[in-house]
PDB file of N, CA and C in Angstrom:
ATOM      1  N   MET A   1       0.841  -1.187   0.000  1.00  0.00           N
ATOM      2  CA  MET A   1       0.000   0.000   0.000  1.00  0.00           C
ATOM      3  C   MET A   1       0.887   1.252   0.000  1.00  0.00           C
ATOM      4  N   PRO A   2       0.431   2.288  -0.694  1.00  0.00           N
ATOM      5  CA  PRO A   2       1.196   3.543  -0.718  1.00  0.00           C
ATOM      6  C   PRO A   2       1.238   4.199   0.657  1.00  0.00           C
ATOM      7  N   LYS A   3       2.328   4.867   0.936  1.00  0.00           N
ATOM      8  CA  LYS A   3       2.515   5.554   2.221  1.00  0.00           C
ATOM      9  C   LYS A   3       2.277   7.056   2.111  1.00  0.00           C
ATOM     10  N   THR A   4       2.500   7.632   0.931  1.00  0.00           N
ATOM     11  CA  THR A   4       2.375   9.077   0.757  1.00  0.00           C
ATOM     12  C   THR A   4       0.960   9.443   0.327  1.00  0.00           C
ATOM     13  N   ARG A   5       0.607  10.695   0.571  1.00  0.00           N
ATOM     14  CA  ARG A   5      -0.726  11.172   0.208  1.00  0.00           C
ATOM     15  C   ARG A   5      -0.922  11.138  -1.314  1.00  0.00           C
ATOM     16  N   SER A   6       0.078  11.574  -2.065  1.00  0.00           N
ATOM     17  CA  SER A   6      -0.066  11.569  -3.524  1.00  0.00           C
ATOM     18  C   SER A   6      -0.125  10.140  -4.065  1.00  0.00           C
ATOM     19  N   GLY A   7       0.585   9.225  -3.441  1.00  0.00           N
ATOM     20  CA  GLY A   7       0.517   7.827  -3.852  1.00  0.00           C
ATOM     21  C   GLY A   7      -0.853   7.230  -3.603  1.00  0.00           C
ATOM     22  N   LYS A   8      -1.458   7.560  -2.473  1.00  0.00           N
ATOM     23  CA  LYS A   8      -2.800   7.065  -2.167  1.00  0.00           C
ATOM     24  C   LYS A   8      -3.839   7.653  -3.119  1.00  0.00           C
ATOM     25  N   TRP A   9      -3.726   8.948  -3.383  1.00  0.00           N
ATOM     26  CA  TRP A   9      -4.645   9.584  -4.329  1.00  0.00           C
ATOM     27  C   TRP A   9      -4.507   8.956  -5.710  1.00  0.00           C
ATOM     28  N   SER A  10      -3.286   8.704  -6.122  1.00  0.00           N
ATOM     29  CA  SER A  10      -3.042   8.084  -7.416  1.00  0.00           C
ATOM     30  C   SER A  10      -3.719   6.724  -7.504  1.00  0.00           C
ATOM     31  N   MET A  11      -3.554   5.929  -6.485  1.00  0.00           N
ATOM     32  CA  MET A  11      -4.142   4.595  -6.465  1.00  0.00           C
ATOM     33  C   MET A  11      -5.668   4.664  -6.499  1.00  0.00           C
ATOM     34  N   TRP A  12      -6.263   5.509  -5.664  1.00  0.00           N
ATOM     35  CA  TRP A  12      -7.719   5.575  -5.590  1.00  0.00           C
ATOM     36  C   TRP A  12      -8.343   6.197  -6.834  1.00  0.00           C
ATOM     37  N   LEU A  13      -7.683   7.163  -7.450  1.00  0.00           N
ATOM     38  CA  LEU A  13      -8.222   7.738  -8.682  1.00  0.00           C
ATOM     39  C   LEU A  13      -8.228   6.710  -9.816  1.00  0.00           C
ATOM     40  N   ASN A  14      -7.195   5.899  -9.891  1.00  0.00           N
ATOM     41  CA  ASN A  14      -7.191   4.870 -10.925  1.00  0.00           C
ATOM     42  C   ASN A  14      -8.141   3.731 -10.587  1.00  0.00           C
ATOM     43  N   ALA A  15      -8.379   3.476  -9.314  1.00  0.00           N
ATOM     44  CA  ALA A  15      -9.406   2.501  -8.934  1.00  0.00           C
ATOM     45  C   ALA A  15     -10.777   3.012  -9.385  1.00  0.00           C
ATOM     46  N   PHE A  16     -11.035   4.309  -9.175  1.00  0.00           N
ATOM     47  CA  PHE A  16     -12.275   4.922  -9.658  1.00  0.00           C
ATOM     48  C   PHE A  16     -12.387   4.791 -11.172  1.00  0.00           C
ATOM     49  N   PHE A  17     -11.304   5.049 -11.883  1.00  0.00           N
ATOM     50  CA  PHE A  17     -11.278   4.926 -13.339  1.00  0.00           C
ATOM     51  C   PHE A  17     -11.657   3.513 -13.771  1.00  0.00           C
ATOM     52  N   LEU A  18     -11.021   2.519 -13.182  1.00  0.00           N
ATOM     53  CA  LEU A  18     -11.271   1.130 -13.578  1.00  0.00           C
ATOM     54  C   LEU A  18     -12.689   0.689 -13.242  1.00  0.00           C
ATOM     55  N   VAL A  19     -13.180   1.069 -12.077  1.00  0.00           N
ATOM     56  CA  VAL A  19     -14.548   0.696 -11.690  1.00  0.00           C
ATOM     57  C   VAL A  19     -15.574   1.377 -12.584  1.00  0.00           C
ATOM     58  N   ALA A  20     -15.391   2.653 -12.880  1.00  0.00           N
ATOM     59  CA  ALA A  20     -16.333   3.386 -13.736  1.00  0.00           C
ATOM     60  C   ALA A  20     -16.364   2.801 -15.142  1.00  0.00           C
ATOM     61  N   ILE A  21     -15.213   2.468 -15.697  1.00  0.00           N
ATOM     62  CA  ILE A  21     -15.174   1.868 -17.032  1.00  0.00           C
ATOM     63  C   ILE A  21     -15.813   0.487 -17.014  1.00  0.00           C
ATOM     64  N   ALA A  22     -15.534  -0.309 -15.975  1.00  0.00           N
ATOM     65  CA  ALA A  22     -16.118  -1.646 -15.871  1.00  0.00           C
ATOM     66  C   ALA A  22     -17.644  -1.575 -15.757  1.00  0.00           C
ATOM     67  N   ILE A  23     -18.149  -0.672 -14.931  1.00  0.00           N
ATOM     68  CA  ILE A  23     -19.600  -0.512 -14.787  1.00  0.00           C
ATOM     69  C   ILE A  23     -20.214  -0.061 -16.108  1.00  0.00           C
ATOM     70  N   SER A  24     -19.552   0.849 -16.804  1.00  0.00           N
ATOM     71  CA  SER A  24     -20.062   1.320 -18.092  1.00  0.00           C
ATOM     72  C   SER A  24     -20.149   0.180 -19.098  1.00  0.00           C
ATOM     73  N   ILE A  25     -19.124  -0.634 -19.162  1.00  0.00           N
ATOM     74  CA  ILE A  25     -19.121  -1.762 -20.101  1.00  0.00           C
ATOM     75  C   ILE A  25     -20.210  -2.765 -19.743  1.00  0.00           C
ATOM     76  N   ILE A  26     -20.400  -3.009 -18.459  1.00  0.00           N
ATOM     77  CA  ILE A  26     -21.448  -3.937 -18.028  1.00  0.00           C
ATOM     78  C   ILE A  26     -22.827  -3.387 -18.381  1.00  0.00           C
ATOM     79  N   LEU A  27     -23.055  -2.096 -18.144  1.00  0.00           N
ATOM     80  CA  LEU A  27     -24.348  -1.502 -18.443  1.00  0.00           C
ATOM     81  C   LEU A  27     -24.661  -1.495 -19.937  1.00  0.00           C
ATOM     82  N   VAL A  28     -23.642  -1.373 -20.770  1.00  0.00           N
ATOM     83  CA  VAL A  28     -23.872  -1.319 -22.212  1.00  0.00           C
ATOM     84  C   VAL A  28     -23.857  -2.714 -22.827  1.00  0.00           C
ATOM     85  N   ASN A  29     -22.774  -3.449 -22.637  1.00  0.00           N
ATOM     86  CA  ASN A  29     -22.601  -4.709 -23.352  1.00  0.00           C
ATOM     87  C   ASN A  29     -23.310  -5.897 -22.708  1.00  0.00           C
ATOM     88  N   VAL A  30     -23.351  -5.956 -21.397  1.00  0.00           N
ATOM     89  CA  VAL A  30     -23.930  -7.124 -20.730  1.00  0.00           C
ATOM     90  C   VAL A  30     -25.428  -6.946 -20.506  1.00  0.00           C
ATOM     91  N   LEU A  31     -25.799  -5.847 -19.876  1.00  0.00           N
ATOM     92  CA  LEU A  31     -27.204  -5.634 -19.530  1.00  0.00           C
ATOM     93  C   LEU A  31     -27.998  -4.952 -20.640  1.00  0.00           C
ATOM     94  N   GLY A  32     -27.337  -4.231 -21.513  1.00  0.00           N
ATOM     95  CA  GLY A  32     -28.021  -3.553 -22.611  1.00  0.00           C
ATOM     96  C   GLY A  32     -28.902  -2.394 -22.162  1.00  0.00           C
ATOM     97  N   LEU A  33     -28.653  -1.851 -20.989  1.00  0.00           N
ATOM     98  CA  LEU A  33     -29.469  -0.752 -20.475  1.00  0.00           C
ATOM     99  C   LEU A  33     -29.130   0.589 -21.110  1.00  0.00           C
ATOM    100  N   LEU A  34     -27.889   0.754 -21.515  1.00  0.00           N
ATOM    101  CA  LEU A  34     -27.433   2.013 -22.099  1.00  0.00           C
ATOM    102  C   LEU A  34     -26.784   1.747 -23.446  1.00  0.00           C
ATOM    103  N   SER A  35     -26.483   2.825 -24.140  1.00  0.00           N
ATOM    104  CA  SER A  35     -25.803   2.736 -25.433  1.00  0.00           C
ATOM    105  C   SER A  35     -24.615   3.690 -25.429  1.00  0.00           C
ATOM    106  N   TYR A  36     -23.588   3.331 -26.193  1.00  0.00           N
ATOM    107  CA  TYR A  36     -22.429   4.213 -26.295  1.00  0.00           C
ATOM    108  C   TYR A  36     -22.760   5.497 -27.048  1.00  0.00           C
ATOM    109  N   ASP A  37     -23.889   5.533 -27.747  1.00  0.00           N
ATOM    110  CA  ASP A  37     -24.293   6.724 -28.490  1.00  0.00           C
ATOM    111  C   ASP A  37     -25.052   7.730 -27.632  1.00  0.00           C
ATOM    112  N   ASP A  38     -25.367   7.372 -26.398  1.00  0.00           N
ATOM    113  CA  ASP A  38     -26.102   8.269 -25.510  1.00  0.00           C
ATOM    114  C   ASP A  38     -25.186   9.357 -24.954  1.00  0.00           C
ATOM    115  N   HIS A  39     -25.810  10.394 -24.388  1.00  0.00           N
ATOM    116  CA  HIS A  39     -25.051  11.524 -23.848  1.00  0.00           C
ATOM    117  C   HIS A  39     -24.298  11.180 -22.572  1.00  0.00           C
ATOM    118  N   TRP A  40     -24.743  10.176 -21.825  1.00  0.00           N
ATOM    119  CA  TRP A  40     -24.054   9.814 -20.585  1.00  0.00           C
ATOM    120  C   TRP A  40     -22.612   9.437 -20.871  1.00  0.00           C
ATOM    121  N   TRP A  41     -22.365   8.806 -22.017  1.00  0.00           N
ATOM    122  CA  TRP A  41     -21.014   8.380 -22.381  1.00  0.00           C
ATOM    123  C   TRP A  41     -20.127   9.591 -22.654  1.00  0.00           C
ATOM    124  N   ASP A  42     -20.709  10.632 -23.258  1.00  0.00           N
ATOM    125  CA  ASP A  42     -19.956  11.858 -23.545  1.00  0.00           C
ATOM    126  C   ASP A  42     -19.546  12.592 -22.274  1.00  0.00           C
ATOM    127  N   VAL A  43     -20.262  12.392 -21.193  1.00  0.00           N
ATOM    128  CA  VAL A  43     -19.929  13.016 -19.918  1.00  0.00           C
ATOM    129  C   VAL A  43     -19.011  12.117 -19.098  1.00  0.00           C
ATOM    130  N   THR A  44     -19.276  10.826 -19.108  1.00  0.00           N
ATOM    131  CA  THR A  44     -18.522   9.874 -18.290  1.00  0.00           C
ATOM    132  C   THR A  44     -17.066   9.753 -18.730  1.00  0.00           C
ATOM    133  N   VAL A  45     -16.832   9.619 -20.010  1.00  0.00           N
ATOM    134  CA  VAL A  45     -15.476   9.391 -20.514  1.00  0.00           C
ATOM    135  C   VAL A  45     -14.509  10.510 -20.145  1.00  0.00           C
ATOM    136  N   PRO A  46     -14.842  11.780 -20.370  1.00  0.00           N
ATOM    137  CA  PRO A  46     -13.877  12.824 -19.981  1.00  0.00           C
ATOM    138  C   PRO A  46     -13.597  12.849 -18.475  1.00  0.00           C
ATOM    139  N   ILE A  47     -14.602  12.579 -17.658  1.00  0.00           N
ATOM    140  CA  ILE A  47     -14.400  12.609 -16.215  1.00  0.00           C
ATOM    141  C   ILE A  47     -13.457  11.499 -15.776  1.00  0.00           C
ATOM    142  N   VAL A  48     -13.712  10.260 -16.219  1.00  0.00           N
ATOM    143  CA  VAL A  48     -12.881   9.146 -15.759  1.00  0.00           C
ATOM    144  C   VAL A  48     -11.499   9.178 -16.397  1.00  0.00           C
ATOM    145  N   PHE A  49     -11.391   9.629 -17.639  1.00  0.00           N
ATOM    146  CA  PHE A  49     -10.077   9.732 -18.256  1.00  0.00           C
ATOM    147  C   PHE A  49      -9.257  10.832 -17.592  1.00  0.00           C
ATOM    148  N   PHE A  50      -9.908  11.935 -17.227  1.00  0.00           N
ATOM    149  CA  PHE A  50      -9.219  12.999 -16.505  1.00  0.00           C
ATOM    150  C   PHE A  50      -8.721  12.488 -15.156  1.00  0.00           C
ATOM    151  N   ALA A  51      -9.544  11.685 -14.473  1.00  0.00           N
ATOM    152  CA  ALA A  51      -9.133  11.101 -13.188  1.00  0.00           C
ATOM    153  C   ALA A  51      -7.900  10.231 -13.358  1.00  0.00           C
ATOM    154  N   SER A  52      -7.837   9.469 -14.444  1.00  0.00           N
ATOM    155  CA  SER A  52      -6.683   8.603 -14.690  1.00  0.00           C
ATOM    156  C   SER A  52      -5.429   9.414 -15.013  1.00  0.00           C
ATOM    157  N   ILE A  53      -5.591  10.500 -15.734  1.00  0.00           N
ATOM    158  CA  ILE A  53      -4.442  11.352 -16.054  1.00  0.00           C
ATOM    159  C   ILE A  53      -3.925  12.037 -14.793  1.00  0.00           C
ATOM    160  N   VAL A  54      -4.822  12.508 -13.939  1.00  0.00           N
ATOM    161  CA  VAL A  54      -4.412  13.100 -12.658  1.00  0.00           C
ATOM    162  C   VAL A  54      -3.715  12.055 -11.794  1.00  0.00           C
ATOM    163  N   ALA A  55      -4.232  10.822 -11.810  1.00  0.00           N
ATOM    164  CA  ALA A  55      -3.597   9.735 -11.065  1.00  0.00           C
ATOM    165  C   ALA A  55      -2.189   9.471 -11.585  1.00  0.00           C
ATOM    166  N   PHE A  56      -1.999   9.548 -12.885  1.00  0.00           N
ATOM    167  CA  PHE A  56      -0.675   9.384 -13.481  1.00  0.00           C
ATOM    168  C   PHE A  56       0.280  10.456 -12.964  1.00  0.00           C
ATOM    169  N   ILE A  57      -0.168  11.704 -12.991  1.00  0.00           N
ATOM    170  CA  ILE A  57       0.678  12.822 -12.544  1.00  0.00           C
ATOM    171  C   ILE A  57       1.005  12.687 -11.052  1.00  0.00           C
ATOM    172  N   LEU A  58      -0.002  12.370 -10.250  1.00  0.00           N
ATOM    173  CA  LEU A  58       0.239  12.200  -8.809  1.00  0.00           C
ATOM    174  C   LEU A  58       1.155  11.016  -8.526  1.00  0.00           C
ATOM    175  N   GLY A  59       1.022   9.957  -9.317  1.00  0.00           N
ATOM    176  CA  GLY A  59       1.897   8.805  -9.152  1.00  0.00           C
ATOM    177  C   GLY A  59       3.338   9.141  -9.480  1.00  0.00           C
ATOM    178  N   ILE A  60       3.556   9.903 -10.538  1.00  0.00           N
ATOM    179  CA  ILE A  60       4.909  10.335 -10.897  1.00  0.00           C
ATOM    180  C   ILE A  60       5.490  11.211  -9.792  1.00  0.00           C
ATOM    181  N   ILE A  61       4.671  12.118  -9.258  1.00  0.00           N
ATOM    182  CA  ILE A  61       5.130  12.961  -8.151  1.00  0.00           C
ATOM    183  C   ILE A  61       5.491  12.104  -6.943  1.00  0.00           C
ATOM    184  N   ALA A  62       4.643  11.119  -6.648  1.00  0.00           N
ATOM    185  CA  ALA A  62       4.912  10.248  -5.490  1.00  0.00           C
ATOM    186  C   ALA A  62       6.207   9.466  -5.674  1.00  0.00           C
ATOM    187  N   ILE A  63       6.470   9.014  -6.882  1.00  0.00           N
ATOM    188  CA  ILE A  63       7.673   8.218  -7.130  1.00  0.00           C
ATOM    189  C   ILE A  63       8.926   9.086  -7.113  1.00  0.00           C
ATOM    190  N   ILE A  64       8.886  10.213  -7.802  1.00  0.00           N
ATOM    191  CA  ILE A  64      10.085  11.040  -7.948  1.00  0.00           C
ATOM    192  C   ILE A  64      10.343  11.889  -6.698  1.00  0.00           C
ATOM    193  N   LYS A  65       9.347  12.643  -6.282  1.00  0.00           N
ATOM    194  CA  LYS A  65       9.547  13.593  -5.189  1.00  0.00           C
ATOM    195  C   LYS A  65       9.529  12.911  -3.821  1.00  0.00           C
ATOM    196  N   ASN A  66       8.566  12.012  -3.622  1.00  0.00           N
ATOM    197  CA  ASN A  66       8.369  11.427  -2.304  1.00  0.00           C
ATOM    198  C   ASN A  66       8.997  10.045  -2.139  1.00  0.00           C
ATOM    199  N   LYS A  67       9.676   9.573  -3.180  1.00  0.00           N
ATOM    200  CA  LYS A  67      10.373   8.273  -3.129  1.00  0.00           C
ATOM    201  C   LYS A  67       9.434   7.118  -2.765  1.00  0.00           C
ATOM    202  N   GLU A  68       8.227   7.136  -3.337  1.00  0.00           N
ATOM    203  CA  GLU A  68       7.240   6.073  -3.114  1.00  0.00           C
ATOM    204  C   GLU A  68       7.650   4.842  -3.915  1.00  0.00           C
ATOM    205  N   HIS A  69       7.616   3.681  -3.283  1.00  0.00           N
ATOM    206  CA  HIS A  69       8.011   2.448  -3.957  1.00  0.00           C
ATOM    207  C   HIS A  69       6.930   1.376  -3.882  1.00  0.00           C
ATOM    208  N   SER A  70       5.686   1.801  -3.746  1.00  0.00           N
ATOM    209  CA  SER A  70       4.580   0.860  -3.666  1.00  0.00           C
ATOM    210  C   SER A  70       4.254   0.310  -5.060  1.00  0.00           C
ATOM    211  N   ALA A  71       3.986  -0.970  -5.123  1.00  0.00           N
ATOM    212  CA  ALA A  71       3.638  -1.594  -6.398  1.00  0.00           C
ATOM    213  C   ALA A  71       2.346  -1.009  -6.958  1.00  0.00           C
ATOM    214  N   LEU A  72       1.407  -0.656  -6.072  1.00  0.00           N
ATOM    215  CA  LEU A  72       0.146  -0.091  -6.539  1.00  0.00           C
ATOM    216  C   LEU A  72       0.337   1.272  -7.201  1.00  0.00           C
ATOM    217  N   VAL A  73       1.313   2.027  -6.764  1.00  0.00           N
ATOM    218  CA  VAL A  73       1.590   3.314  -7.405  1.00  0.00           C
ATOM    219  C   VAL A  73       2.190   3.080  -8.789  1.00  0.00           C
ATOM    220  N   TYR A  74       3.067   2.112  -8.908  1.00  0.00           N
ATOM    221  CA  TYR A  74       3.626   1.788 -10.221  1.00  0.00           C
ATOM    222  C   TYR A  74       2.541   1.275 -11.172  1.00  0.00           C
ATOM    223  N   VAL A  75       1.614   0.487 -10.664  1.00  0.00           N
ATOM    224  CA  VAL A  75       0.489   0.025 -11.480  1.00  0.00           C
ATOM    225  C   VAL A  75      -0.373   1.216 -11.895  1.00  0.00           C
ATOM    226  N   SER A  76      -0.603   2.136 -10.969  1.00  0.00           N
ATOM    227  CA  SER A  76      -1.388   3.332 -11.259  1.00  0.00           C
ATOM    228  C   SER A  76      -0.732   4.189 -12.335  1.00  0.00           C
ATOM    229  N   VAL A  77       0.572   4.351 -12.255  1.00  0.00           N
ATOM    230  CA  VAL A  77       1.300   5.120 -13.269  1.00  0.00           C
ATOM    231  C   VAL A  77       1.209   4.415 -14.625  1.00  0.00           C
ATOM    232  N   THR A  78       1.304   3.102 -14.618  1.00  0.00           N
ATOM    233  CA  THR A  78       1.202   2.350 -15.875  1.00  0.00           C
ATOM    234  C   THR A  78      -0.182   2.499 -16.500  1.00  0.00           C
ATOM    235  N   ILE A  79      -1.221   2.404 -15.689  1.00  0.00           N
ATOM    236  CA  ILE A  79      -2.584   2.577 -16.204  1.00  0.00           C
ATOM    237  C   ILE A  79      -2.773   3.996 -16.730  1.00  0.00           C
ATOM    238  N   GLY A  80      -2.258   4.983 -16.025  1.00  0.00           N
ATOM    239  CA  GLY A  80      -2.346   6.368 -16.491  1.00  0.00           C
ATOM    240  C   GLY A  80      -1.615   6.576 -17.804  1.00  0.00           C
ATOM    241  N   LEU A  81      -0.438   5.970 -17.926  1.00  0.00           N
ATOM    242  CA  LEU A  81       0.310   6.075 -19.181  1.00  0.00           C
ATOM    243  C   LEU A  81      -0.450   5.414 -20.326  1.00  0.00           C
ATOM    244  N   LEU A  82      -1.038   4.263 -20.072  1.00  0.00           N
ATOM    245  CA  LEU A  82      -1.834   3.591 -21.103  1.00  0.00           C
ATOM    246  C   LEU A  82      -3.058   4.415 -21.489  1.00  0.00           C
ATOM    247  N   THR A  83      -3.653   5.097 -20.525  1.00  0.00           N
ATOM    248  CA  THR A  83      -4.787   5.978 -20.814  1.00  0.00           C
ATOM    249  C   THR A  83      -4.353   7.128 -21.714  1.00  0.00           C
ATOM    250  N   ILE A  84      -3.240   7.739 -21.408  1.00  0.00           N
ATOM    251  CA  ILE A  84      -2.734   8.836 -22.233  1.00  0.00           C
ATOM    252  C   ILE A  84      -2.416   8.344 -23.638  1.00  0.00           C
ATOM    253  N   LEU A  85      -1.768   7.199 -23.748  1.00  0.00           N
ATOM    254  CA  LEU A  85      -1.469   6.631 -25.063  1.00  0.00           C
ATOM    255  C   LEU A  85      -2.745   6.308 -25.831  1.00  0.00           C
ATOM    256  N   PHE A  86      -3.753   5.795 -25.141  1.00  0.00           N
ATOM    257  CA  PHE A  86      -5.026   5.504 -25.790  1.00  0.00           C
ATOM    258  C   PHE A  86      -5.649   6.771 -26.356  1.00  0.00           C
ATOM    259  N   ILE A  87      -5.647   7.844 -25.563  1.00  0.00           N
ATOM    260  CA  ILE A  87      -6.237   9.103 -26.030  1.00  0.00           C
ATOM    261  C   ILE A  87      -5.500   9.614 -27.260  1.00  0.00           C
ATOM    262  N   LEU A  88      -4.180   9.596 -27.213  1.00  0.00           N
ATOM    263  CA  LEU A  88      -3.390  10.104 -28.341  1.00  0.00           C
ATOM    264  C   LEU A  88      -3.555   9.232 -29.584  1.00  0.00           C
ATOM    265  N   LEU A  89      -3.474   7.927 -29.426  1.00  0.00           N
ATOM    266  CA  LEU A  89      -3.550   7.036 -30.584  1.00  0.00           C
ATOM    267  C   LEU A  89      -4.969   6.895 -31.107  1.00  0.00           C
ATOM    268  N   HIS A  90      -5.941   6.932 -30.227  1.00  0.00           N
ATOM    269  CA  HIS A  90      -7.330   6.825 -30.662  1.00  0.00           C
ATOM    270  C   HIS A  90      -7.728   8.033 -31.501  1.00  0.00           C
ATOM    271  N   SER A  91      -7.259   9.205 -31.115  1.00  0.00           N
ATOM    272  CA  SER A  91      -7.611  10.411 -31.857  1.00  0.00           C
ATOM    273  C   SER A  91      -6.995  10.437 -33.255  1.00  0.00           C
ATOM    274  N   LEU A  92      -5.938   9.656 -33.473  1.00  0.00           N
ATOM    275  CA  LEU A  92      -5.353   9.591 -34.805  1.00  0.00           C
ATOM    276  C   LEU A  92      -6.194   8.773 -35.775  1.00  0.00           C
ATOM    277  N   PHE A  93      -6.980   7.848 -35.252  1.00  0.00           N
ATOM    278  CA  PHE A  93      -7.698   6.912 -36.113  1.00  0.00           C
ATOM    279  C   PHE A  93      -9.210   7.051 -36.053  1.00  0.00           C
ATOM    280  N   ILE A  94      -9.712   8.143 -35.489  1.00  0.00           N
ATOM    281  CA  ILE A  94     -11.170   8.367 -35.456  1.00  0.00           C
ATOM    282  C   ILE A  94     -11.637   8.728 -36.872  1.00  0.00           C
ATOM    283  N   SER A  95     -12.730   8.109 -37.277  1.00  0.00           N
ATOM    284  CA  SER A  95     -13.261   8.414 -38.611  1.00  0.00           C
ATOM    285  C   SER A  95     -14.716   8.844 -38.481  1.00  0.00           C
ATOM    286  N   ASP A  96     -14.961   9.978 -37.806  1.00  0.00           N
ATOM    287  CA  ASP A  96     -16.322  10.500 -37.669  1.00  0.00           C
ATOM    288  C   ASP A  96     -16.660  11.397 -38.825  1.00  0.00           C
TER     289      ASP A  96
END
């Protein structure tokens, strides 16, 4: 478990990101209650992706400045980096 405040925030923000995405996928693909074309998706995605990017930044701060060595912080930084890469690469191939 992280010991620093920024490490804990990083971990919990990425936990929020993963849970929100998982719930969204379950509501759309498994239960069929919602659709990706609805407005809720346009609001949910920026909020959870922003949370993951903030978690990435806080994780980097925890590792560099506060010398945090928790595995969960490293996982959080990795998830944040993958989120950033997804945003950058996805925007290159959108065909709307």
